[in-house]
N, C-alpha and C. Protein backbone atom coordinates (compact mmCIF):
# COMPACT_ATOMS: atom_id res chain seq x y z
N LYS A 1 0.85 -1.17 0.00
CA LYS A 1 0.00 0.00 0.00
C LYS A 1 0.89 1.23 0.00
N GLU A 2 0.43 2.23 -0.67
CA GLU A 2 1.20 3.46 -0.72
C GLU A 2 0.34 4.62 -0.24
N PHE A 3 0.96 5.60 0.35
CA PHE A 3 0.28 6.77 0.89
C PHE A 3 0.09 7.79 -0.23
N GLN A 4 -1.16 8.30 -0.37
CA GLN A 4 -1.44 9.32 -1.37
C GLN A 4 -1.93 10.57 -0.64
N PRO A 5 -1.15 11.63 -0.59
CA PRO A 5 -1.47 12.80 0.24
C PRO A 5 -2.70 13.60 -0.22
N ASN A 6 -3.04 13.62 -1.49
CA ASN A 6 -4.16 14.42 -1.98
C ASN A 6 -5.46 13.60 -2.08
N THR A 7 -5.65 12.67 -1.18
CA THR A 7 -6.82 11.80 -1.20
C THR A 7 -7.77 12.21 -0.07
N TYR A 8 -9.06 12.27 -0.40
CA TYR A 8 -10.08 12.66 0.58
C TYR A 8 -11.08 11.51 0.75
N ILE A 9 -11.85 11.59 1.84
CA ILE A 9 -12.86 10.56 2.10
C ILE A 9 -13.90 10.60 0.99
N GLY A 10 -14.21 9.45 0.44
CA GLY A 10 -15.18 9.35 -0.65
C GLY A 10 -14.53 9.22 -2.02
N ASP A 11 -13.22 9.50 -2.13
CA ASP A 11 -12.52 9.34 -3.40
C ASP A 11 -12.39 7.85 -3.72
N VAL A 12 -12.50 7.53 -4.99
CA VAL A 12 -12.35 6.15 -5.44
C VAL A 12 -10.91 5.93 -5.85
N ILE A 13 -10.30 4.92 -5.25
CA ILE A 13 -8.90 4.62 -5.55
C ILE A 13 -8.86 3.19 -6.08
N ASN A 14 -8.27 3.00 -7.20
CA ASN A 14 -8.13 1.67 -7.77
C ASN A 14 -6.77 1.10 -7.38
N ILE A 15 -6.81 0.07 -6.57
CA ILE A 15 -5.59 -0.62 -6.18
C ILE A 15 -5.76 -2.07 -6.58
N GLU A 16 -4.85 -2.55 -7.38
CA GLU A 16 -4.94 -3.94 -7.82
C GLU A 16 -4.41 -4.85 -6.72
N VAL A 17 -5.19 -5.88 -6.39
CA VAL A 17 -4.81 -6.77 -5.30
C VAL A 17 -4.69 -8.21 -5.79
N THR A 18 -4.10 -8.39 -6.94
CA THR A 18 -3.93 -9.73 -7.50
C THR A 18 -2.70 -10.38 -6.87
N PRO A 19 -2.88 -11.52 -6.21
CA PRO A 19 -1.72 -12.21 -5.64
C PRO A 19 -0.80 -12.72 -6.75
N GLN A 20 0.46 -12.95 -6.40
CA GLN A 20 1.45 -13.39 -7.39
C GLN A 20 1.13 -14.78 -7.93
N ASN A 21 0.60 -15.67 -7.07
CA ASN A 21 0.40 -17.05 -7.52
C ASN A 21 -1.06 -17.34 -7.90
N ALA A 22 -1.85 -16.31 -8.20
CA ALA A 22 -3.25 -16.52 -8.58
C ALA A 22 -3.34 -17.01 -10.01
N GLY A 23 -3.98 -18.14 -10.16
CA GLY A 23 -4.15 -18.71 -11.49
C GLY A 23 -5.61 -18.67 -11.91
N ARG A 24 -5.89 -19.27 -13.01
CA ARG A 24 -7.23 -19.30 -13.57
C ARG A 24 -8.19 -20.02 -12.63
N ILE A 25 -7.79 -21.14 -12.06
CA ILE A 25 -8.66 -21.94 -11.20
C ILE A 25 -8.97 -21.19 -9.90
N ALA A 26 -7.97 -20.52 -9.33
CA ALA A 26 -8.19 -19.76 -8.10
C ALA A 26 -9.15 -18.59 -8.35
N ALA A 27 -9.02 -17.93 -9.49
CA ALA A 27 -9.92 -16.82 -9.83
C ALA A 27 -11.34 -17.33 -10.03
N GLN A 28 -11.48 -18.48 -10.67
CA GLN A 28 -12.80 -19.06 -10.90
C GLN A 28 -13.45 -19.48 -9.58
N THR A 29 -12.69 -20.02 -8.67
CA THR A 29 -13.20 -20.41 -7.35
C THR A 29 -13.66 -19.18 -6.57
N ALA A 30 -12.87 -18.14 -6.61
CA ALA A 30 -13.24 -16.90 -5.92
C ALA A 30 -14.53 -16.32 -6.49
N LYS A 31 -14.67 -16.37 -7.80
CA LYS A 31 -15.88 -15.87 -8.46
C LYS A 31 -17.10 -16.69 -8.01
N GLN A 32 -16.96 -18.01 -7.96
CA GLN A 32 -18.06 -18.87 -7.54
C GLN A 32 -18.46 -18.61 -6.09
N VAL A 33 -17.50 -18.38 -5.22
CA VAL A 33 -17.79 -18.10 -3.81
C VAL A 33 -18.55 -16.79 -3.68
N ILE A 34 -18.12 -15.78 -4.41
CA ILE A 34 -18.79 -14.48 -4.36
C ILE A 34 -20.22 -14.59 -4.88
N LEU A 35 -20.41 -15.28 -6.00
CA LEU A 35 -21.76 -15.46 -6.56
C LEU A 35 -22.66 -16.25 -5.61
N GLN A 36 -22.12 -17.27 -4.95
CA GLN A 36 -22.88 -18.06 -3.98
C GLN A 36 -23.34 -17.20 -2.81
N ARG A 37 -22.45 -16.35 -2.31
CA ARG A 37 -22.81 -15.45 -1.20
C ARG A 37 -23.89 -14.46 -1.62
N LEU A 38 -23.80 -13.97 -2.86
CA LEU A 38 -24.85 -13.06 -3.36
C LEU A 38 -26.19 -13.77 -3.44
N ARG A 39 -26.18 -15.03 -3.94
CA ARG A 39 -27.42 -15.81 -4.02
C ARG A 39 -28.02 -16.03 -2.63
N GLU A 40 -27.16 -16.35 -1.65
CA GLU A 40 -27.63 -16.56 -0.28
C GLU A 40 -28.23 -15.28 0.30
N ALA A 41 -27.61 -14.14 0.00
CA ALA A 41 -28.15 -12.86 0.50
C ALA A 41 -29.51 -12.56 -0.12
N GLU A 42 -29.66 -12.84 -1.43
CA GLU A 42 -30.95 -12.64 -2.10
C GLU A 42 -32.01 -13.57 -1.51
N ASP A 43 -31.63 -14.83 -1.23
CA ASP A 43 -32.56 -15.78 -0.63
C ASP A 43 -33.00 -15.33 0.75
N ASP A 44 -32.08 -14.77 1.53
CA ASP A 44 -32.42 -14.27 2.86
C ASP A 44 -33.41 -13.11 2.78
N VAL A 45 -33.22 -12.23 1.81
CA VAL A 45 -34.14 -11.10 1.63
C VAL A 45 -35.52 -11.62 1.24
N THR A 46 -35.58 -12.56 0.30
CA THR A 46 -36.85 -13.13 -0.13
C THR A 46 -37.54 -13.86 1.01
N PHE A 47 -36.78 -14.63 1.78
CA PHE A 47 -37.33 -15.34 2.93
C PHE A 47 -37.90 -14.35 3.94
N GLY A 48 -37.18 -13.27 4.18
CA GLY A 48 -37.64 -12.24 5.12
C GLY A 48 -38.93 -11.59 4.67
N GLU A 49 -39.11 -11.43 3.35
CA GLU A 49 -40.34 -10.84 2.82
C GLU A 49 -41.53 -11.75 3.05
N PHE A 50 -41.35 -13.05 2.84
CA PHE A 50 -42.48 -13.97 2.87
C PHE A 50 -42.71 -14.64 4.22
N VAL A 51 -41.75 -14.58 5.15
CA VAL A 51 -41.94 -15.24 6.44
C VAL A 51 -43.08 -14.57 7.22
N GLY A 52 -43.32 -13.30 6.98
CA GLY A 52 -44.40 -12.59 7.65
C GLY A 52 -45.76 -12.81 7.03
N THR A 53 -45.82 -13.49 5.89
CA THR A 53 -47.10 -13.68 5.20
C THR A 53 -47.77 -15.01 5.53
N GLU A 54 -47.20 -15.80 6.46
CA GLU A 54 -47.84 -17.06 6.83
C GLU A 54 -49.23 -16.77 7.37
N GLY A 55 -50.23 -17.46 6.83
CA GLY A 55 -51.61 -17.25 7.26
C GLY A 55 -52.33 -16.17 6.47
N ASP A 56 -51.68 -15.55 5.49
CA ASP A 56 -52.29 -14.48 4.71
C ASP A 56 -52.81 -15.01 3.37
N LEU A 57 -53.62 -14.19 2.74
CA LEU A 57 -54.15 -14.49 1.41
C LEU A 57 -53.22 -13.86 0.38
N VAL A 58 -52.78 -14.64 -0.59
CA VAL A 58 -51.93 -14.13 -1.66
C VAL A 58 -52.55 -14.45 -3.01
N SER A 59 -52.22 -13.67 -3.99
CA SER A 59 -52.73 -13.87 -5.34
C SER A 59 -51.55 -14.13 -6.27
N GLY A 60 -51.70 -15.10 -7.15
CA GLY A 60 -50.61 -15.43 -8.06
C GLY A 60 -51.13 -16.01 -9.35
N ILE A 61 -50.20 -16.36 -10.22
CA ILE A 61 -50.53 -16.90 -11.54
C ILE A 61 -49.98 -18.32 -11.63
N VAL A 62 -50.82 -19.24 -12.08
CA VAL A 62 -50.45 -20.65 -12.18
C VAL A 62 -49.38 -20.82 -13.27
N GLN A 63 -48.31 -21.55 -12.91
CA GLN A 63 -47.22 -21.83 -13.84
C GLN A 63 -47.17 -23.33 -14.12
N GLN A 64 -46.67 -23.68 -15.26
CA GLN A 64 -46.54 -25.09 -15.64
C GLN A 64 -45.30 -25.68 -14.99
N GLY A 65 -45.43 -26.86 -14.44
CA GLY A 65 -44.29 -27.53 -13.83
C GLY A 65 -44.03 -28.87 -14.49
N ASN A 66 -42.95 -29.53 -14.06
CA ASN A 66 -42.62 -30.85 -14.61
C ASN A 66 -43.60 -31.92 -14.12
N ASP A 67 -43.96 -31.84 -12.85
CA ASP A 67 -44.86 -32.81 -12.25
C ASP A 67 -46.29 -32.33 -12.42
N ARG A 68 -47.15 -33.17 -12.98
CA ARG A 68 -48.53 -32.81 -13.24
C ARG A 68 -49.31 -32.54 -11.96
N ARG A 69 -48.98 -33.27 -10.89
CA ARG A 69 -49.73 -33.14 -9.65
C ARG A 69 -49.36 -31.88 -8.88
N MET A 70 -48.13 -31.45 -8.96
CA MET A 70 -47.68 -30.25 -8.26
C MET A 70 -48.01 -29.02 -9.10
N VAL A 71 -48.61 -28.03 -8.48
CA VAL A 71 -48.94 -26.78 -9.18
C VAL A 71 -48.03 -25.69 -8.61
N PHE A 72 -47.42 -24.93 -9.50
CA PHE A 72 -46.56 -23.82 -9.08
C PHE A 72 -47.30 -22.52 -9.32
N VAL A 73 -47.27 -21.63 -8.32
CA VAL A 73 -47.97 -20.35 -8.40
C VAL A 73 -46.93 -19.24 -8.31
N ASP A 74 -46.86 -18.40 -9.33
CA ASP A 74 -45.91 -17.30 -9.37
C ASP A 74 -46.46 -16.14 -8.54
N LEU A 75 -45.76 -15.80 -7.44
CA LEU A 75 -46.20 -14.72 -6.56
C LEU A 75 -45.44 -13.42 -6.82
N GLY A 76 -44.65 -13.40 -7.85
CA GLY A 76 -43.86 -12.20 -8.17
C GLY A 76 -42.38 -12.49 -7.99
N ARG A 77 -41.89 -12.38 -6.74
CA ARG A 77 -40.47 -12.62 -6.47
C ARG A 77 -40.15 -14.09 -6.26
N ILE A 78 -41.16 -14.91 -6.05
CA ILE A 78 -40.91 -16.32 -5.75
C ILE A 78 -42.04 -17.16 -6.32
N GLU A 79 -41.73 -18.42 -6.57
CA GLU A 79 -42.74 -19.37 -7.02
C GLU A 79 -43.17 -20.22 -5.84
N ALA A 80 -44.46 -20.20 -5.52
CA ALA A 80 -45.00 -21.00 -4.42
C ALA A 80 -45.42 -22.36 -4.94
N VAL A 81 -45.51 -23.34 -4.03
CA VAL A 81 -45.88 -24.69 -4.38
C VAL A 81 -47.27 -24.99 -3.82
N LEU A 82 -48.15 -25.52 -4.67
CA LEU A 82 -49.48 -25.97 -4.25
C LEU A 82 -49.49 -27.49 -4.37
N PRO A 83 -49.16 -28.20 -3.25
CA PRO A 83 -49.06 -29.66 -3.32
C PRO A 83 -50.43 -30.32 -3.51
N PRO A 84 -50.46 -31.57 -3.96
CA PRO A 84 -51.74 -32.26 -4.23
C PRO A 84 -52.69 -32.30 -3.04
N GLN A 85 -52.19 -32.46 -1.82
CA GLN A 85 -53.07 -32.56 -0.66
C GLN A 85 -53.70 -31.21 -0.31
N GLU A 86 -53.19 -30.11 -0.86
CA GLU A 86 -53.75 -28.78 -0.60
C GLU A 86 -54.60 -28.28 -1.77
N GLN A 87 -54.81 -29.12 -2.80
CA GLN A 87 -55.61 -28.75 -3.95
C GLN A 87 -57.05 -29.22 -3.75
N VAL A 88 -57.99 -28.45 -4.31
CA VAL A 88 -59.41 -28.80 -4.23
C VAL A 88 -59.68 -29.91 -5.23
N PRO A 89 -60.31 -31.03 -4.79
CA PRO A 89 -60.61 -32.12 -5.72
C PRO A 89 -61.55 -31.63 -6.83
N GLY A 90 -61.20 -31.96 -8.06
CA GLY A 90 -62.02 -31.59 -9.21
C GLY A 90 -61.70 -30.22 -9.78
N GLU A 91 -60.87 -29.43 -9.11
CA GLU A 91 -60.51 -28.11 -9.61
C GLU A 91 -59.33 -28.25 -10.58
N LYS A 92 -59.42 -27.59 -11.72
CA LYS A 92 -58.36 -27.63 -12.72
C LYS A 92 -57.56 -26.34 -12.63
N TYR A 93 -56.25 -26.47 -12.68
CA TYR A 93 -55.36 -25.32 -12.58
C TYR A 93 -54.65 -25.13 -13.91
N ALA A 94 -55.28 -24.35 -14.79
CA ALA A 94 -54.73 -24.13 -16.12
C ALA A 94 -53.62 -23.09 -16.06
N HIS A 95 -52.62 -23.28 -16.90
CA HIS A 95 -51.48 -22.37 -16.96
C HIS A 95 -51.95 -20.95 -17.28
N GLY A 96 -51.47 -19.98 -16.49
CA GLY A 96 -51.78 -18.58 -16.75
C GLY A 96 -53.00 -18.05 -16.01
N THR A 97 -53.74 -18.90 -15.31
CA THR A 97 -54.92 -18.41 -14.58
C THR A 97 -54.50 -17.79 -13.26
N ARG A 98 -55.24 -16.75 -12.85
CA ARG A 98 -54.98 -16.07 -11.57
C ARG A 98 -55.66 -16.87 -10.47
N LEU A 99 -54.97 -16.97 -9.32
CA LEU A 99 -55.42 -17.84 -8.25
C LEU A 99 -55.18 -17.16 -6.90
N LYS A 100 -56.16 -17.25 -6.00
CA LYS A 100 -55.97 -16.76 -4.64
C LYS A 100 -55.72 -17.97 -3.75
N CYS A 101 -54.69 -17.87 -2.91
CA CYS A 101 -54.29 -19.00 -2.07
C CYS A 101 -53.99 -18.51 -0.66
N HIS A 102 -53.99 -19.46 0.26
CA HIS A 102 -53.65 -19.21 1.66
C HIS A 102 -52.22 -19.69 1.88
N VAL A 103 -51.35 -18.85 2.44
CA VAL A 103 -49.96 -19.24 2.69
C VAL A 103 -49.93 -20.12 3.94
N VAL A 104 -49.52 -21.38 3.76
CA VAL A 104 -49.49 -22.33 4.86
C VAL A 104 -48.13 -22.31 5.56
N GLN A 105 -47.06 -22.30 4.77
CA GLN A 105 -45.73 -22.44 5.36
C GLN A 105 -44.69 -21.73 4.50
N VAL A 106 -43.74 -21.08 5.17
CA VAL A 106 -42.57 -20.51 4.51
C VAL A 106 -41.36 -21.11 5.19
N SER A 107 -40.51 -21.78 4.41
CA SER A 107 -39.37 -22.46 5.00
C SER A 107 -38.11 -22.23 4.16
N LYS A 108 -36.96 -22.42 4.82
CA LYS A 108 -35.68 -22.33 4.11
C LYS A 108 -35.27 -23.74 3.70
N THR A 109 -34.83 -23.88 2.47
CA THR A 109 -34.31 -25.15 1.97
C THR A 109 -32.94 -24.89 1.37
N PRO A 110 -32.17 -25.94 1.11
CA PRO A 110 -30.86 -25.72 0.46
C PRO A 110 -30.97 -25.05 -0.91
N LYS A 111 -32.13 -25.20 -1.57
CA LYS A 111 -32.31 -24.58 -2.88
C LYS A 111 -32.88 -23.17 -2.78
N GLY A 112 -33.09 -22.68 -1.56
CA GLY A 112 -33.64 -21.34 -1.38
C GLY A 112 -34.94 -21.40 -0.59
N PRO A 113 -35.60 -20.25 -0.40
CA PRO A 113 -36.85 -20.25 0.35
C PRO A 113 -37.96 -20.97 -0.40
N ARG A 114 -38.84 -21.63 0.36
CA ARG A 114 -39.95 -22.38 -0.24
C ARG A 114 -41.24 -21.93 0.42
N VAL A 115 -42.21 -21.51 -0.39
CA VAL A 115 -43.52 -21.08 0.10
C VAL A 115 -44.53 -22.15 -0.31
N THR A 116 -45.27 -22.66 0.68
CA THR A 116 -46.31 -23.65 0.42
C THR A 116 -47.66 -22.97 0.60
N VAL A 117 -48.53 -23.09 -0.40
CA VAL A 117 -49.85 -22.47 -0.35
C VAL A 117 -50.94 -23.54 -0.40
N SER A 118 -52.16 -23.13 -0.04
CA SER A 118 -53.27 -24.08 0.04
C SER A 118 -54.54 -23.46 -0.54
N ARG A 119 -55.37 -24.32 -1.14
CA ARG A 119 -56.70 -23.91 -1.59
C ARG A 119 -57.78 -24.59 -0.74
N THR A 120 -57.38 -25.45 0.21
CA THR A 120 -58.34 -26.18 1.03
C THR A 120 -58.38 -25.70 2.48
N HIS A 121 -57.46 -24.86 2.87
CA HIS A 121 -57.35 -24.41 4.26
C HIS A 121 -58.55 -23.53 4.65
N PRO A 122 -59.11 -23.72 5.86
CA PRO A 122 -60.22 -22.87 6.30
C PRO A 122 -59.86 -21.38 6.37
N GLY A 123 -58.59 -21.07 6.57
CA GLY A 123 -58.15 -19.68 6.59
C GLY A 123 -58.38 -18.97 5.26
N LEU A 124 -58.42 -19.72 4.15
CA LEU A 124 -58.70 -19.14 2.84
C LEU A 124 -60.12 -18.57 2.83
N VAL A 125 -61.07 -19.32 3.36
CA VAL A 125 -62.46 -18.87 3.40
C VAL A 125 -62.58 -17.63 4.29
N LYS A 126 -61.91 -17.65 5.43
CA LYS A 126 -61.95 -16.52 6.35
C LYS A 126 -61.40 -15.26 5.69
N SER A 127 -60.28 -15.38 4.98
CA SER A 127 -59.66 -14.24 4.31
C SER A 127 -60.54 -13.72 3.17
N LEU A 128 -61.16 -14.65 2.41
CA LEU A 128 -62.03 -14.23 1.31
C LEU A 128 -63.27 -13.50 1.83
N PHE A 129 -63.84 -13.98 2.94
CA PHE A 129 -64.99 -13.30 3.53
C PHE A 129 -64.59 -11.93 4.06
N ALA A 130 -63.40 -11.79 4.63
CA ALA A 130 -62.93 -10.49 5.11
C ALA A 130 -62.76 -9.50 3.96
N LEU A 131 -62.40 -10.01 2.77
CA LEU A 131 -62.28 -9.15 1.59
C LEU A 131 -63.64 -8.70 1.09
N GLU A 132 -64.61 -9.61 1.09
CA GLU A 132 -65.90 -9.35 0.45
C GLU A 132 -66.94 -8.73 1.38
N VAL A 133 -66.89 -9.02 2.68
CA VAL A 133 -67.92 -8.56 3.61
C VAL A 133 -67.32 -7.46 4.50
N PRO A 134 -67.78 -6.22 4.36
CA PRO A 134 -67.19 -5.13 5.13
C PRO A 134 -67.37 -5.27 6.64
N GLU A 135 -68.46 -5.90 7.08
CA GLU A 135 -68.69 -6.07 8.53
C GLU A 135 -67.65 -7.00 9.15
N ILE A 136 -67.20 -7.98 8.40
CA ILE A 136 -66.15 -8.88 8.90
C ILE A 136 -64.81 -8.15 8.88
N ALA A 137 -64.57 -7.36 7.84
CA ALA A 137 -63.31 -6.63 7.72
C ALA A 137 -63.14 -5.61 8.85
N ASP A 138 -64.22 -4.93 9.26
CA ASP A 138 -64.09 -3.92 10.32
C ASP A 138 -64.24 -4.50 11.73
N GLY A 139 -64.59 -5.78 11.84
CA GLY A 139 -64.64 -6.43 13.14
C GLY A 139 -65.98 -6.40 13.84
N SER A 140 -67.02 -5.84 13.21
CA SER A 140 -68.33 -5.82 13.86
C SER A 140 -69.00 -7.19 13.80
N VAL A 141 -68.62 -8.03 12.86
CA VAL A 141 -69.05 -9.43 12.79
C VAL A 141 -67.79 -10.28 12.75
N GLU A 142 -67.74 -11.30 13.59
CA GLU A 142 -66.58 -12.17 13.63
C GLU A 142 -66.96 -13.59 13.29
N ILE A 143 -66.01 -14.31 12.67
CA ILE A 143 -66.22 -15.72 12.33
C ILE A 143 -65.77 -16.54 13.53
N ALA A 144 -66.69 -17.33 14.08
CA ALA A 144 -66.40 -18.15 15.25
C ALA A 144 -65.74 -19.46 14.85
N ALA A 145 -66.28 -20.11 13.81
CA ALA A 145 -65.75 -21.41 13.38
C ALA A 145 -66.04 -21.62 11.91
N ILE A 146 -65.21 -22.45 11.29
CA ILE A 146 -65.40 -22.81 9.88
C ILE A 146 -65.29 -24.31 9.76
N ALA A 147 -66.30 -24.93 9.13
CA ALA A 147 -66.25 -26.36 8.81
C ALA A 147 -66.24 -26.44 7.29
N ARG A 148 -65.26 -27.15 6.75
CA ARG A 148 -65.09 -27.13 5.30
C ARG A 148 -64.78 -28.49 4.73
N GLU A 149 -65.49 -28.83 3.67
CA GLU A 149 -65.14 -29.96 2.81
C GLU A 149 -64.83 -29.31 1.46
N ALA A 150 -63.56 -29.12 1.19
CA ALA A 150 -63.14 -28.36 0.01
C ALA A 150 -63.73 -28.95 -1.26
N GLY A 151 -64.35 -28.10 -2.06
CA GLY A 151 -64.94 -28.52 -3.31
C GLY A 151 -66.38 -28.94 -3.19
N HIS A 152 -66.90 -29.12 -1.95
CA HIS A 152 -68.28 -29.56 -1.77
C HIS A 152 -69.10 -28.53 -1.01
N ARG A 153 -68.72 -28.26 0.25
CA ARG A 153 -69.49 -27.30 1.04
C ARG A 153 -68.62 -26.69 2.13
N THR A 154 -69.08 -25.53 2.58
CA THR A 154 -68.42 -24.83 3.66
C THR A 154 -69.48 -24.24 4.56
N LYS A 155 -69.29 -24.38 5.87
CA LYS A 155 -70.23 -23.81 6.83
C LYS A 155 -69.45 -22.87 7.75
N ILE A 156 -70.06 -21.72 8.04
CA ILE A 156 -69.41 -20.72 8.86
C ILE A 156 -70.33 -20.34 10.01
N ALA A 157 -69.79 -20.31 11.23
CA ALA A 157 -70.52 -19.81 12.39
C ALA A 157 -70.04 -18.40 12.66
N VAL A 158 -70.98 -17.45 12.71
CA VAL A 158 -70.63 -16.05 12.92
C VAL A 158 -71.36 -15.49 14.13
N TYR A 159 -70.80 -14.44 14.71
CA TYR A 159 -71.49 -13.72 15.79
C TYR A 159 -71.16 -12.24 15.67
N SER A 160 -72.05 -11.42 16.23
CA SER A 160 -71.90 -9.99 16.13
C SER A 160 -71.30 -9.44 17.42
N THR A 161 -70.37 -8.50 17.28
CA THR A 161 -69.78 -7.84 18.46
C THR A 161 -70.48 -6.51 18.73
N VAL A 162 -71.35 -6.08 17.82
CA VAL A 162 -72.08 -4.82 17.97
C VAL A 162 -73.54 -5.13 18.31
N PRO A 163 -74.07 -4.59 19.43
CA PRO A 163 -75.47 -4.85 19.79
C PRO A 163 -76.42 -4.32 18.73
N GLY A 164 -77.42 -5.13 18.40
CA GLY A 164 -78.43 -4.73 17.41
C GLY A 164 -78.06 -5.07 15.98
N LEU A 165 -76.86 -5.59 15.74
CA LEU A 165 -76.45 -5.95 14.36
C LEU A 165 -76.64 -7.44 14.19
N ASN A 166 -77.41 -7.82 13.16
CA ASN A 166 -77.65 -9.23 12.86
C ASN A 166 -76.41 -9.80 12.18
N ALA A 167 -75.84 -10.84 12.76
CA ALA A 167 -74.60 -11.42 12.21
C ALA A 167 -74.82 -12.09 10.86
N LYS A 168 -76.03 -12.56 10.59
CA LYS A 168 -76.31 -13.22 9.31
C LYS A 168 -76.31 -12.21 8.18
């Protein structure tokens, strides 16, 4: 390192730091390590974004996957997985259709963050009713219980928190 007297804070100084014995393989290894760390940092940011959405309603677009039974839903920054046990029997998921799902789980895997969504979870019905019914959204009517057979029927028990308001 050499001292440069006319240098101020914020100035950009180019100093080459190539070791004497650095070869092609060492440079390639260093590049791979740097790229891996960048990928890990991006995965951490994506995981941090979606870890707070567990239990929320998300909207995405159905993507085609290799496995016919697994449905992939593009949520923007990440592709969520809709496994067969979370799919509604008899429902077809055509490529490119918009879909509302309930986020069941967000987990870290060696391949990056993984978001699992559901179309059969009772929380999906609760979230959809909160979107559509203003009394549920503002809290004057609350959902006490949900009984659901996905694809066949759903029953909801409601009660009113405001005197004189009919919960039905």
